[in-house]
Amino acid sequence: QLDVERLRAAGIPVWVTRIETLEQALTSMGRLFDEVLDVGTPDWL
């Protein structure tokens, strides 16, 4: 958390994933590529 906070304090955006289940993994990856990076759902996903 310390590194995340210091990067953000330096003006660098940080996207933090929390993965404890397969469903969380699939949902998180989907949001990253579709909503954040705006490239849609990758074929592998």
PDB file of all heavy atoms in Angstrom:
ATOM      1  N   GLN A   1       0.828  -1.202   0.000  1.00  0.00           N
ATOM      2  CA  GLN A   1       0.000   0.000   0.000  1.00  0.00           C
ATOM      3  C   GLN A   1       0.868   1.260   0.000  1.00  0.00           C
ATOM      4  O   GLN A   1       0.531   2.252  -0.653  1.00  0.00           O
ATOM      5  CB  GLN A   1      -0.927   0.000   1.218  1.00  0.00           C
ATOM      6  CG  GLN A   1      -1.864   1.196   1.263  1.00  0.00           C
ATOM      7  CD  GLN A   1      -2.825   1.143   2.432  1.00  0.00           C
ATOM      8  OE1 GLN A   1      -2.928   0.137   3.130  1.00  0.00           O
ATOM      9  NE2 GLN A   1      -3.532   2.234   2.675  1.00  0.00           N
ATOM     10  N   LEU A   2       1.990   1.208   0.726  1.00  0.00           N
ATOM     11  CA  LEU A   2       2.885   2.362   0.796  1.00  0.00           C
ATOM     12  C   LEU A   2       3.359   2.775  -0.593  1.00  0.00           C
ATOM     13  O   LEU A   2       3.380   3.968  -0.925  1.00  0.00           O
ATOM     14  CB  LEU A   2       4.091   2.033   1.685  1.00  0.00           C
ATOM     15  CG  LEU A   2       5.190   3.105   1.752  1.00  0.00           C
ATOM     16  CD1 LEU A   2       4.645   4.374   2.396  1.00  0.00           C
ATOM     17  CD2 LEU A   2       6.388   2.568   2.548  1.00  0.00           C
ATOM     18  N   ASP A   3       3.753   1.809  -1.427  1.00  0.00           N
ATOM     19  CA  ASP A   3       4.231   2.133  -2.771  1.00  0.00           C
ATOM     20  C   ASP A   3       3.113   2.711  -3.627  1.00  0.00           C
ATOM     21  O   ASP A   3       3.336   3.641  -4.415  1.00  0.00           O
ATOM     22  CB  ASP A   3       4.823   0.886  -3.434  1.00  0.00           C
ATOM     23  CG  ASP A   3       6.090   0.415  -2.748  1.00  0.00           C
ATOM     24  OD1 ASP A   3       6.940   1.263  -2.439  1.00  0.00           O
ATOM     25  OD2 ASP A   3       6.227  -0.801  -2.513  1.00  0.00           O
ATOM     26  N   VAL A   4       1.916   2.155  -3.482  1.00  0.00           N
ATOM     27  CA  VAL A   4       0.776   2.671  -4.235  1.00  0.00           C
ATOM     28  C   VAL A   4       0.505   4.120  -3.849  1.00  0.00           C
ATOM     29  O   VAL A   4       0.313   4.995  -4.703  1.00  0.00           O
ATOM     30  CB  VAL A   4      -0.479   1.803  -3.988  1.00  0.00           C
ATOM     31  CG1 VAL A   4      -1.719   2.470  -4.592  1.00  0.00           C
ATOM     32  CG2 VAL A   4      -0.292   0.414  -4.585  1.00  0.00           C
ATOM     33  N   GLU A   5       0.510   4.391  -2.538  1.00  0.00           N
ATOM     34  CA  GLU A   5       0.231   5.744  -2.061  1.00  0.00           C
ATOM     35  C   GLU A   5       1.289   6.737  -2.537  1.00  0.00           C
ATOM     36  O   GLU A   5       0.974   7.865  -2.921  1.00  0.00           O
ATOM     37  CB  GLU A   5       0.150   5.744  -0.539  1.00  0.00           C
ATOM     38  CG  GLU A   5      -1.077   5.007   0.001  1.00  0.00           C
ATOM     39  CD  GLU A   5      -1.062   4.897   1.510  1.00  0.00           C
ATOM     40  OE1 GLU A   5       0.002   5.190   2.117  1.00  0.00           O
ATOM     41  OE2 GLU A   5      -2.108   4.528   2.085  1.00  0.00           O
ATOM     42  N   ARG A   6       2.563   6.333  -2.526  1.00  0.00           N
ATOM     43  CA  ARG A   6       3.629   7.240  -2.949  1.00  0.00           C
ATOM     44  C   ARG A   6       3.607   7.489  -4.448  1.00  0.00           C
ATOM     45  O   ARG A   6       3.930   8.593  -4.905  1.00  0.00           O
ATOM     46  CB  ARG A   6       4.981   6.698  -2.483  1.00  0.00           C
ATOM     47  CG  ARG A   6       5.147   6.803  -0.964  1.00  0.00           C
ATOM     48  CD  ARG A   6       6.501   6.337  -0.489  1.00  0.00           C
ATOM     49  NE  ARG A   6       6.653   6.600   0.941  1.00  0.00           N
ATOM     50  CZ  ARG A   6       7.703   6.230   1.665  1.00  0.00           C
ATOM     51  NH1 ARG A   6       8.722   5.586   1.083  1.00  0.00           N
ATOM     52  NH2 ARG A   6       7.758   6.505   2.950  1.00  0.00           N
ATOM     53  N   LEU A   7       3.241   6.481  -5.213  1.00  0.00           N
ATOM     54  CA  LEU A   7       3.113   6.696  -6.653  1.00  0.00           C
ATOM     55  C   LEU A   7       1.968   7.665  -6.945  1.00  0.00           C
ATOM     56  O   LEU A   7       2.100   8.578  -7.766  1.00  0.00           O
ATOM     57  CB  LEU A   7       2.880   5.361  -7.368  1.00  0.00           C
ATOM     58  CG  LEU A   7       4.089   4.437  -7.495  1.00  0.00           C
ATOM     59  CD1 LEU A   7       3.667   3.059  -7.999  1.00  0.00           C
ATOM     60  CD2 LEU A   7       5.150   5.030  -8.417  1.00  0.00           C
ATOM     61  N   ARG A   8       0.868   7.468  -6.265  1.00  0.00           N
ATOM     62  CA  ARG A   8      -0.267   8.373  -6.461  1.00  0.00           C
ATOM     63  C   ARG A   8       0.076   9.792  -6.016  1.00  0.00           C
ATOM     64  O   ARG A   8      -0.319  10.760  -6.664  1.00  0.00           O
ATOM     65  CB  ARG A   8      -1.477   7.848  -5.704  1.00  0.00           C
ATOM     66  CG  ARG A   8      -2.131   6.624  -6.361  1.00  0.00           C
ATOM     67  CD  ARG A   8      -3.221   6.030  -5.509  1.00  0.00           C
ATOM     68  NE  ARG A   8      -3.959   4.975  -6.223  1.00  0.00           N
ATOM     69  CZ  ARG A   8      -4.797   4.128  -5.634  1.00  0.00           C
ATOM     70  NH1 ARG A   8      -5.017   4.213  -4.323  1.00  0.00           N
ATOM     71  NH2 ARG A   8      -5.426   3.208  -6.351  1.00  0.00           N
ATOM     72  N   ALA A   9       0.821   9.897  -4.911  1.00  0.00           N
ATOM     73  CA  ALA A   9       1.220  11.219  -4.427  1.00  0.00           C
ATOM     74  C   ALA A   9       2.120  11.928  -5.434  1.00  0.00           C
ATOM     75  O   ALA A   9       2.161  13.161  -5.492  1.00  0.00           O
ATOM     76  CB  ALA A   9       1.930  11.088  -3.088  1.00  0.00           C
ATOM     77  N   ALA A  10       2.835  11.136  -6.238  1.00  0.00           N
ATOM     78  CA  ALA A  10       3.704  11.696  -7.268  1.00  0.00           C
ATOM     79  C   ALA A  10       2.937  12.014  -8.548  1.00  0.00           C
ATOM     80  O   ALA A  10       3.543  12.397  -9.556  1.00  0.00           O
ATOM     81  CB  ALA A  10       4.850  10.730  -7.561  1.00  0.00           C
ATOM     82  N   GLY A  11       1.625  11.825  -8.511  1.00  0.00           N
ATOM     83  CA  GLY A  11       0.799  12.151  -9.673  1.00  0.00           C
ATOM     84  C   GLY A  11       0.643  11.024 -10.670  1.00  0.00           C
ATOM     85  O   GLY A  11       0.187  11.247 -11.794  1.00  0.00           O
ATOM     86  N   ILE A  12       1.008   9.808 -10.278  1.00  0.00           N
ATOM     87  CA  ILE A  12       0.913   8.658 -11.181  1.00  0.00           C
ATOM     88  C   ILE A  12      -0.339   7.852 -10.830  1.00  0.00           C
ATOM     89  O   ILE A  12      -0.448   7.321  -9.720  1.00  0.00           O
ATOM     90  CB  ILE A  12       2.161   7.756 -11.071  1.00  0.00           C
ATOM     91  CG1 ILE A  12       3.417   8.560 -11.414  1.00  0.00           C
ATOM     92  CG2 ILE A  12       2.027   6.531 -11.975  1.00  0.00           C
ATOM     93  CD1 ILE A  12       4.705   7.809 -11.174  1.00  0.00           C
ATOM     94  N   PRO A  13      -1.300   7.738 -11.722  1.00  0.00           N
ATOM     95  CA  PRO A  13      -2.502   6.944 -11.443  1.00  0.00           C
ATOM     96  C   PRO A  13      -2.158   5.471 -11.254  1.00  0.00           C
ATOM     97  O   PRO A  13      -1.308   4.924 -11.971  1.00  0.00           O
ATOM     98  CB  PRO A  13      -3.370   7.144 -12.698  1.00  0.00           C
ATOM     99  CG  PRO A  13      -2.822   8.365 -13.353  1.00  0.00           C
ATOM    100  CD  PRO A  13      -1.355   8.377 -13.056  1.00  0.00           C
ATOM    101  N   VAL A  14      -2.783   4.824 -10.281  1.00  0.00           N
ATOM    102  CA  VAL A  14      -2.545   3.406 -10.014  1.00  0.00           C
ATOM    103  C   VAL A  14      -3.885   2.679  -9.943  1.00  0.00           C
ATOM    104  O   VAL A  14      -4.782   3.082  -9.189  1.00  0.00           O
ATOM    105  CB  VAL A  14      -1.778   3.191  -8.695  1.00  0.00           C
ATOM    106  CG1 VAL A  14      -1.494   1.699  -8.489  1.00  0.00           C
ATOM    107  CG2 VAL A  14      -0.479   3.989  -8.690  1.00  0.00           C
ATOM    108  N   TRP A  15      -4.016   1.629 -10.734  1.00  0.00           N
ATOM    109  CA  TRP A  15      -5.201   0.762 -10.729  1.00  0.00           C
ATOM    110  C   TRP A  15      -4.839  -0.472  -9.906  1.00  0.00           C
ATOM    111  O   TRP A  15      -3.898  -1.193 -10.243  1.00  0.00           O
ATOM    112  CB  TRP A  15      -5.557   0.374 -12.168  1.00  0.00           C
ATOM    113  CG  TRP A  15      -6.634  -0.653 -12.334  1.00  0.00           C
ATOM    114  CD1 TRP A  15      -6.492  -2.007 -12.260  1.00  0.00           C
ATOM    115  CD2 TRP A  15      -8.014  -0.413 -12.612  1.00  0.00           C
ATOM    116  NE1 TRP A  15      -7.691  -2.630 -12.484  1.00  0.00           N
ATOM    117  CE2 TRP A  15      -8.646  -1.681 -12.700  1.00  0.00           C
ATOM    118  CE3 TRP A  15      -8.772   0.734 -12.809  1.00  0.00           C
ATOM    119  CZ2 TRP A  15     -10.011  -1.816 -12.985  1.00  0.00           C
ATOM    120  CZ3 TRP A  15     -10.134   0.599 -13.089  1.00  0.00           C
ATOM    121  CH2 TRP A  15     -10.736  -0.662 -13.170  1.00  0.00           C
ATOM    122  N   VAL A  16      -5.558  -0.709  -8.805  1.00  0.00           N
ATOM    123  CA  VAL A  16      -5.245  -1.811  -7.909  1.00  0.00           C
ATOM    124  C   VAL A  16      -6.316  -2.894  -8.027  1.00  0.00           C
ATOM    125  O   VAL A  16      -7.505  -2.624  -7.835  1.00  0.00           O
ATOM    126  CB  VAL A  16      -5.141  -1.342  -6.446  1.00  0.00           C
ATOM    127  CG1 VAL A  16      -4.800  -2.524  -5.537  1.00  0.00           C
ATOM    128  CG2 VAL A  16      -4.085  -0.250  -6.308  1.00  0.00           C
ATOM    129  N   THR A  17      -5.883  -4.111  -8.330  1.00  0.00           N
ATOM    130  CA  THR A  17      -6.807  -5.241  -8.405  1.00  0.00           C
ATOM    131  C   THR A  17      -6.821  -5.982  -7.075  1.00  0.00           C
ATOM    132  O   THR A  17      -5.826  -6.020  -6.349  1.00  0.00           O
ATOM    133  CB  THR A  17      -6.403  -6.225  -9.512  1.00  0.00           C
ATOM    134  OG1 THR A  17      -5.127  -6.796  -9.191  1.00  0.00           O
ATOM    135  CG2 THR A  17      -6.320  -5.531 -10.855  1.00  0.00           C
ATOM    136  N   ARG A  18      -7.963  -6.564  -6.756  1.00  0.00           N
ATOM    137  CA  ARG A  18      -8.095  -7.433  -5.580  1.00  0.00           C
ATOM    138  C   ARG A  18      -8.714  -8.730  -6.059  1.00  0.00           C
ATOM    139  O   ARG A  18      -9.892  -8.772  -6.410  1.00  0.00           O
ATOM    140  CB  ARG A  18      -8.967  -6.789  -4.507  1.00  0.00           C
ATOM    141  CG  ARG A  18      -9.164  -7.681  -3.276  1.00  0.00           C
ATOM    142  CD  ARG A  18     -10.034  -7.018  -2.230  1.00  0.00           C
ATOM    143  NE  ARG A  18     -10.232  -7.898  -1.091  1.00  0.00           N
ATOM    144  CZ  ARG A  18     -10.965  -7.570  -0.029  1.00  0.00           C
ATOM    145  NH1 ARG A  18     -11.551  -6.378   0.037  1.00  0.00           N
ATOM    146  NH2 ARG A  18     -11.116  -8.427   0.961  1.00  0.00           N
ATOM    147  N   ILE A  19      -7.919  -9.777  -6.096  1.00  0.00           N
ATOM    148  CA  ILE A  19      -8.347 -11.034  -6.705  1.00  0.00           C
ATOM    149  C   ILE A  19      -8.294 -12.164  -5.678  1.00  0.00           C
ATOM    150  O   ILE A  19      -7.215 -12.600  -5.274  1.00  0.00           O
ATOM    151  CB  ILE A  19      -7.458 -11.404  -7.912  1.00  0.00           C
ATOM    152  CG1 ILE A  19      -7.338 -10.227  -8.889  1.00  0.00           C
ATOM    153  CG2 ILE A  19      -8.013 -12.644  -8.602  1.00  0.00           C
ATOM    154  CD1 ILE A  19      -8.626  -9.788  -9.517  1.00  0.00           C
ATOM    155  N   GLU A  20      -9.456 -12.640  -5.251  1.00  0.00           N
ATOM    156  CA  GLU A  20      -9.522 -13.777  -4.341  1.00  0.00           C
ATOM    157  C   GLU A  20     -10.365 -14.911  -4.911  1.00  0.00           C
ATOM    158  O   GLU A  20     -10.412 -15.996  -4.340  1.00  0.00           O
ATOM    159  CB  GLU A  20     -10.086 -13.348  -2.983  1.00  0.00           C
ATOM    160  CG  GLU A  20      -9.181 -12.383  -2.224  1.00  0.00           C
ATOM    161  CD  GLU A  20      -9.739 -12.004  -0.871  1.00  0.00           C
ATOM    162  OE1 GLU A  20     -10.893 -12.407  -0.552  1.00  0.00           O
ATOM    163  OE2 GLU A  20      -9.038 -11.309  -0.101  1.00  0.00           O
ATOM    164  N   THR A  21     -11.043 -14.665  -6.028  1.00  0.00           N
ATOM    165  CA  THR A  21     -11.867 -15.679  -6.669  1.00  0.00           C
ATOM    166  C   THR A  21     -11.714 -15.587  -8.177  1.00  0.00           C
ATOM    167  O   THR A  21     -11.282 -14.557  -8.718  1.00  0.00           O
ATOM    168  CB  THR A  21     -13.356 -15.514  -6.326  1.00  0.00           C
ATOM    169  OG1 THR A  21     -13.840 -14.302  -6.920  1.00  0.00           O
ATOM    170  CG2 THR A  21     -13.584 -15.475  -4.824  1.00  0.00           C
ATOM    171  N   LEU A  22     -12.097 -16.644  -8.854  1.00  0.00           N
ATOM    172  CA  LEU A  22     -12.080 -16.630 -10.318  1.00  0.00           C
ATOM    173  C   LEU A  22     -13.029 -15.566 -10.853  1.00  0.00           C
ATOM    174  O   LEU A  22     -12.694 -14.842 -11.800  1.00  0.00           O
ATOM    175  CB  LEU A  22     -12.471 -18.005 -10.856  1.00  0.00           C
ATOM    176  CG  LEU A  22     -12.632 -18.100 -12.373  1.00  0.00           C
ATOM    177  CD1 LEU A  22     -11.307 -17.864 -13.075  1.00  0.00           C
ATOM    178  CD2 LEU A  22     -13.215 -19.459 -12.765  1.00  0.00           C
ATOM    179  N   GLU A  23     -14.203 -15.451 -10.263  1.00  0.00           N
ATOM    180  CA  GLU A  23     -15.165 -14.449 -10.719  1.00  0.00           C
ATOM    181  C   GLU A  23     -14.582 -13.044 -10.613  1.00  0.00           C
ATOM    182  O   GLU A  23     -14.752 -12.225 -11.523  1.00  0.00           O
ATOM    183  CB  GLU A  23     -16.453 -14.545  -9.904  1.00  0.00           C
ATOM    184  CG  GLU A  23     -17.534 -13.579 -10.362  1.00  0.00           C
ATOM    185  CD  GLU A  23     -18.830 -13.732  -9.592  1.00  0.00           C
ATOM    186  OE1 GLU A  23     -18.899 -14.613  -8.711  1.00  0.00           O
ATOM    187  OE2 GLU A  23     -19.762 -12.963  -9.862  1.00  0.00           O
ATOM    188  N   GLN A  24     -13.901 -12.759  -9.502  1.00  0.00           N
ATOM    189  CA  GLN A  24     -13.261 -11.448  -9.358  1.00  0.00           C
ATOM    190  C   GLN A  24     -12.206 -11.232 -10.431  1.00  0.00           C
ATOM    191  O   GLN A  24     -12.061 -10.128 -10.966  1.00  0.00           O
ATOM    192  CB  GLN A  24     -12.639 -11.316  -7.972  1.00  0.00           C
ATOM    193  CG  GLN A  24     -13.635 -11.141  -6.847  1.00  0.00           C
ATOM    194  CD  GLN A  24     -12.967 -11.090  -5.490  1.00  0.00           C
ATOM    195  OE1 GLN A  24     -11.813 -11.485  -5.338  1.00  0.00           O
ATOM    196  NE2 GLN A  24     -13.694 -10.612  -4.492  1.00  0.00           N
ATOM    197  N   ALA A  25     -11.455 -12.275 -10.753  1.00  0.00           N
ATOM    198  CA  ALA A  25     -10.412 -12.161 -11.772  1.00  0.00           C
ATOM    199  C   ALA A  25     -11.018 -11.833 -13.136  1.00  0.00           C
ATOM    200  O   ALA A  25     -10.564 -10.915 -13.829  1.00  0.00           O
ATOM    201  CB  ALA A  25      -9.610 -13.459 -11.858  1.00  0.00           C
ATOM    202  N   LEU A  26     -12.046 -12.569 -13.523  1.00  0.00           N
ATOM    203  CA  LEU A  26     -12.663 -12.347 -14.823  1.00  0.00           C
ATOM    204  C   LEU A  26     -13.317 -10.966 -14.903  1.00  0.00           C
ATOM    205  O   LEU A  26     -13.198 -10.263 -15.920  1.00  0.00           O
ATOM    206  CB  LEU A  26     -13.707 -13.436 -15.097  1.00  0.00           C
ATOM    207  CG  LEU A  26     -13.173 -14.875 -15.182  1.00  0.00           C
ATOM    208  CD1 LEU A  26     -14.334 -15.849 -15.329  1.00  0.00           C
ATOM    209  CD2 LEU A  26     -12.190 -15.032 -16.327  1.00  0.00           C
ATOM    210  N   THR A  27     -13.970 -10.570 -13.811  1.00  0.00           N
ATOM    211  CA  THR A  27     -14.623  -9.258 -13.785  1.00  0.00           C
ATOM    212  C   THR A  27     -13.596  -8.131 -13.815  1.00  0.00           C
ATOM    213  O   THR A  27     -13.740  -7.144 -14.548  1.00  0.00           O
ATOM    214  CB  THR A  27     -15.500  -9.119 -12.538  1.00  0.00           C
ATOM    215  OG1 THR A  27     -16.518 -10.133 -12.552  1.00  0.00           O
ATOM    216  CG2 THR A  27     -16.166  -7.749 -12.480  1.00  0.00           C
ATOM    217  N   SER A  28     -12.538  -8.269 -13.018  1.00  0.00           N
ATOM    218  CA  SER A  28     -11.516  -7.236 -12.946  1.00  0.00           C
ATOM    219  C   SER A  28     -10.801  -7.067 -14.285  1.00  0.00           C
ATOM    220  O   SER A  28     -10.582  -5.935 -14.745  1.00  0.00           O
ATOM    221  CB  SER A  28     -10.495  -7.578 -11.853  1.00  0.00           C
ATOM    222  OG  SER A  28      -9.509  -6.575 -11.743  1.00  0.00           O
ATOM    223  N   MET A  29     -10.441  -8.176 -14.919  1.00  0.00           N
ATOM    224  CA  MET A  29      -9.788  -8.087 -16.212  1.00  0.00           C
ATOM    225  C   MET A  29     -10.724  -7.481 -17.259  1.00  0.00           C
ATOM    226  O   MET A  29     -10.307  -6.691 -18.113  1.00  0.00           O
ATOM    227  CB  MET A  29      -9.327  -9.474 -16.670  1.00  0.00           C
ATOM    228  CG  MET A  29      -8.179 -10.066 -15.870  1.00  0.00           C
ATOM    229  SD  MET A  29      -6.616  -9.145 -16.032  1.00  0.00           S
ATOM    230  CE  MET A  29      -6.729  -8.094 -14.580  1.00  0.00           C
ATOM    231  N   GLY A  30     -11.998  -7.831 -17.180  1.00  0.00           N
ATOM    232  CA  GLY A  30     -12.958  -7.261 -18.107  1.00  0.00           C
ATOM    233  C   GLY A  30     -13.070  -5.753 -17.955  1.00  0.00           C
ATOM    234  O   GLY A  30     -13.106  -5.012 -18.949  1.00  0.00           O
ATOM    235  N   ARG A  31     -13.104  -5.271 -16.720  1.00  0.00           N
ATOM    236  CA  ARG A  31     -13.195  -3.829 -16.475  1.00  0.00           C
ATOM    237  C   ARG A  31     -11.929  -3.109 -16.949  1.00  0.00           C
ATOM    238  O   ARG A  31     -12.001  -2.033 -17.537  1.00  0.00           O
ATOM    239  CB  ARG A  31     -13.404  -3.570 -14.981  1.00  0.00           C
ATOM    240  CG  ARG A  31     -14.773  -3.938 -14.440  1.00  0.00           C
ATOM    241  CD  ARG A  31     -14.881  -3.516 -12.993  1.00  0.00           C
ATOM    242  NE  ARG A  31     -14.718  -2.083 -12.862  1.00  0.00           N
ATOM    243  CZ  ARG A  31     -14.241  -1.482 -11.778  1.00  0.00           C
ATOM    244  NH1 ARG A  31     -13.845  -2.210 -10.740  1.00  0.00           N
ATOM    245  NH2 ARG A  31     -14.140  -0.158 -11.722  1.00  0.00           N
ATOM    246  N   LEU A  32     -10.774  -3.722 -16.683  1.00  0.00           N
ATOM    247  CA  LEU A  32      -9.517  -3.089 -17.069  1.00  0.00           C
ATOM    248  C   LEU A  32      -9.449  -2.854 -18.572  1.00  0.00           C
ATOM    249  O   LEU A  32      -9.123  -1.748 -19.030  1.00  0.00           O
ATOM    250  CB  LEU A  32      -8.335  -3.947 -16.611  1.00  0.00           C
ATOM    251  CG  LEU A  32      -6.943  -3.468 -17.041  1.00  0.00           C
ATOM    252  CD1 LEU A  32      -6.631  -2.092 -16.464  1.00  0.00           C
ATOM    253  CD2 LEU A  32      -5.868  -4.484 -16.620  1.00  0.00           C
ATOM    254  N   PHE A  33      -9.775  -3.891 -19.338  1.00  0.00           N
ATOM    255  CA  PHE A  33      -9.621  -3.773 -20.788  1.00  0.00           C
ATOM    256  C   PHE A  33     -10.795  -3.058 -21.459  1.00  0.00           C
ATOM    257  O   PHE A  33     -10.598  -2.338 -22.437  1.00  0.00           O
ATOM    258  CB  PHE A  33      -9.405  -5.157 -21.406  1.00  0.00           C
ATOM    259  CG  PHE A  33      -8.061  -5.728 -21.102  1.00  0.00           C
ATOM    260  CD1 PHE A  33      -7.905  -6.756 -20.185  1.00  0.00           C
ATOM    261  CD2 PHE A  33      -6.923  -5.211 -21.700  1.00  0.00           C
ATOM    262  CE1 PHE A  33      -6.653  -7.269 -19.887  1.00  0.00           C
ATOM    263  CE2 PHE A  33      -5.665  -5.707 -21.412  1.00  0.00           C
ATOM    264  CZ  PHE A  33      -5.527  -6.737 -20.495  1.00  0.00           C
ATOM    265  N   ASP A  34     -11.984  -3.234 -20.921  1.00  0.00           N
ATOM    266  CA  ASP A  34     -13.151  -2.633 -21.560  1.00  0.00           C
ATOM    267  C   ASP A  34     -13.356  -1.188 -21.114  1.00  0.00           C
ATOM    268  O   ASP A  34     -13.485  -0.289 -21.945  1.00  0.00           O
ATOM    269  CB  ASP A  34     -14.392  -3.466 -21.242  1.00  0.00           C
ATOM    270  CG  ASP A  34     -15.601  -3.039 -22.055  1.00  0.00           C
ATOM    271  OD1 ASP A  34     -15.410  -2.466 -23.138  1.00  0.00           O
ATOM    272  OD2 ASP A  34     -16.735  -3.272 -21.605  1.00  0.00           O
ATOM    273  N   GLU A  35     -13.358  -0.953 -19.798  1.00  0.00           N
ATOM    274  CA  GLU A  35     -13.681   0.371 -19.282  1.00  0.00           C
ATOM    275  C   GLU A  35     -12.471   1.304 -19.206  1.00  0.00           C
ATOM    276  O   GLU A  35     -12.581   2.496 -19.496  1.00  0.00           O
ATOM    277  CB  GLU A  35     -14.312   0.246 -17.896  1.00  0.00           C
ATOM    278  CG  GLU A  35     -15.611  -0.556 -17.872  1.00  0.00           C
ATOM    279  CD  GLU A  35     -16.157  -0.715 -16.475  1.00  0.00           C
ATOM    280  OE1 GLU A  35     -15.748   0.066 -15.574  1.00  0.00           O
ATOM    281  OE2 GLU A  35     -16.994  -1.620 -16.256  1.00  0.00           O
ATOM    282  N   VAL A  36     -11.319   0.769 -18.794  1.00  0.00           N
ATOM    283  CA  VAL A  36     -10.150   1.633 -18.580  1.00  0.00           C
ATOM    284  C   VAL A  36      -9.336   1.811 -19.862  1.00  0.00           C
ATOM    285  O   VAL A  36      -9.026   2.931 -20.279  1.00  0.00           O
ATOM    286  CB  VAL A  36      -9.259   1.074 -17.452  1.00  0.00           C
ATOM    287  CG1 VAL A  36      -8.040   1.965 -17.242  1.00  0.00           C
ATOM    288  CG2 VAL A  36     -10.060   0.952 -16.157  1.00  0.00           C
ATOM    289  N   LEU A  37      -8.991   0.705 -20.497  1.00  0.00           N
ATOM    290  CA  LEU A  37      -8.159   0.767 -21.695  1.00  0.00           C
ATOM    291  C   LEU A  37      -8.973   0.890 -22.986  1.00  0.00           C
ATOM    292  O   LEU A  37      -8.407   1.162 -24.044  1.00  0.00           O
ATOM    293  CB  LEU A  37      -7.251  -0.464 -21.761  1.00  0.00           C
ATOM    294  CG  LEU A  37      -6.295  -0.622 -20.567  1.00  0.00           C
ATOM    295  CD1 LEU A  37      -5.485  -1.904 -20.700  1.00  0.00           C
ATOM    296  CD2 LEU A  37      -5.374   0.582 -20.453  1.00  0.00           C
ATOM    297  N   ASP A  38     -10.280   0.648 -22.877  1.00  0.00           N
ATOM    298  CA  ASP A  38     -11.205   0.860 -23.997  1.00  0.00           C
ATOM    299  C   ASP A  38     -10.839   0.042 -25.234  1.00  0.00           C
ATOM    300  O   ASP A  38     -10.837   0.545 -26.355  1.00  0.00           O
ATOM    301  CB  ASP A  38     -11.262   2.352 -24.354  1.00  0.00           C
ATOM    302  CG  ASP A  38     -12.442   2.693 -25.254  1.00  0.00           C
ATOM    303  OD1 ASP A  38     -13.448   1.974 -25.197  1.00  0.00           O
ATOM    304  OD2 ASP A  38     -12.335   3.664 -26.026  1.00  0.00           O
ATOM    305  N   VAL A  39     -10.525  -1.251 -25.020  1.00  0.00           N
ATOM    306  CA  VAL A  39     -10.213  -2.120 -26.152  1.00  0.00           C
ATOM    307  C   VAL A  39     -11.177  -3.307 -26.241  1.00  0.00           C
ATOM    308  O   VAL A  39     -10.978  -4.211 -27.056  1.00  0.00           O
ATOM    309  CB  VAL A  39      -8.759  -2.634 -26.072  1.00  0.00           C
ATOM    310  CG1 VAL A  39      -7.781  -1.492 -26.251  1.00  0.00           C
ATOM    311  CG2 VAL A  39      -8.502  -3.397 -24.785  1.00  0.00           C
ATOM    312  N   GLY A  40     -12.198  -3.315 -25.401  1.00  0.00           N
ATOM    313  CA  GLY A  40     -13.152  -4.413 -25.429  1.00  0.00           C
ATOM    314  C   GLY A  40     -12.627  -5.646 -24.716  1.00  0.00           C
ATOM    315  O   GLY A  40     -11.576  -5.621 -24.069  1.00  0.00           O
ATOM    316  N   THR A  41     -13.340  -6.738 -24.846  1.00  0.00           N
ATOM    317  CA  THR A  41     -12.976  -7.991 -24.184  1.00  0.00           C
ATOM    318  C   THR A  41     -11.966  -8.769 -25.023  1.00  0.00           C
ATOM    319  O   THR A  41     -12.261  -9.115 -26.174  1.00  0.00           O
ATOM    320  CB  THR A  41     -14.214  -8.873 -23.960  1.00  0.00           C
ATOM    321  OG1 THR A  41     -15.170  -8.167 -23.163  1.00  0.00           O
ATOM    322  CG2 THR A  41     -13.829 -10.176 -23.255  1.00  0.00           C
ATOM    323  N   PRO A  42     -10.777  -9.042 -24.481  1.00  0.00           N
ATOM    324  CA  PRO A  42      -9.782  -9.809 -25.249  1.00  0.00           C
ATOM    325  C   PRO A  42     -10.279 -11.218 -25.562  1.00  0.00           C
ATOM    326  O   PRO A  42     -11.083 -11.792 -24.798  1.00  0.00           O
ATOM    327  CB  PRO A  42      -8.575  -9.854 -24.296  1.00  0.00           C
ATOM    328  CG  PRO A  42      -8.803  -8.760 -23.306  1.00  0.00           C
ATOM    329  CD  PRO A  42     -10.276  -8.635 -23.158  1.00  0.00           C
ATOM    330  N   ASP A  43      -9.796 -11.794 -26.634  1.00  0.00           N
ATOM    331  CA  ASP A  43     -10.202 -13.150 -27.012  1.00  0.00           C
ATOM    332  C   ASP A  43      -9.871 -14.148 -25.906  1.00  0.00           C
ATOM    333  O   ASP A  43     -10.661 -15.056 -25.627  1.00  0.00           O
ATOM    334  CB  ASP A  43      -9.514 -13.564 -28.316  1.00  0.00           C
ATOM    335  CG  ASP A  43     -10.032 -12.797 -29.524  1.00  0.00           C
ATOM    336  OD1 ASP A  43     -11.118 -12.192 -29.416  1.00  0.00           O
ATOM    337  OD2 ASP A  43      -9.352 -12.804 -30.568  1.00  0.00           O
ATOM    338  N   TRP A  44      -8.693 -13.998 -25.273  1.00  0.00           N
ATOM    339  CA  TRP A  44      -8.301 -14.963 -24.233  1.00  0.00           C
ATOM    340  C   TRP A  44      -9.233 -14.886 -23.032  1.00  0.00           C
ATOM    341  O   TRP A  44      -9.495 -15.902 -22.380  1.00  0.00           O
ATOM    342  CB  TRP A  44      -6.849 -14.749 -23.797  1.00  0.00           C
ATOM    343  CG  TRP A  44      -6.546 -13.413 -23.187  1.00  0.00           C
ATOM    344  CD1 TRP A  44      -6.022 -12.312 -23.806  1.00  0.00           C
ATOM    345  CD2 TRP A  44      -6.769 -13.017 -21.826  1.00  0.00           C
ATOM    346  NE1 TRP A  44      -5.901 -11.266 -22.926  1.00  0.00           N
ATOM    347  CE2 TRP A  44      -6.346 -11.665 -21.697  1.00  0.00           C
ATOM    348  CE3 TRP A  44      -7.263 -13.669 -20.701  1.00  0.00           C
ATOM    349  CZ2 TRP A  44      -6.417 -10.959 -20.502  1.00  0.00           C
ATOM    350  CZ3 TRP A  44      -7.344 -12.974 -19.497  1.00  0.00           C
ATOM    351  CH2 TRP A  44      -6.923 -11.634 -19.406  1.00  0.00           C
ATOM    352  N   LEU A  45      -9.749 -13.694 -22.744  1.00  0.00           N
ATOM    353  CA  LEU A  45     -10.647 -13.546 -21.607  1.00  0.00           C
ATOM    354  C   LEU A  45     -12.005 -14.175 -21.902  1.00  0.00           C
ATOM    355  O   LEU A  45     -12.607 -14.823 -21.038  1.00  0.00           O
ATOM    356  CB  LEU A  45     -10.806 -12.068 -21.262  1.00  0.00           C
ATOM    357  CG  LEU A  45     -11.655 -11.742 -20.030  1.00  0.00           C
ATOM    358  CD1 LEU A  45     -11.136 -12.458 -18.792  1.00  0.00           C
ATOM    359  CD2 LEU A  45     -11.681 -10.236 -19.798  1.00  0.00           C
TER     360      LEU A  45
END
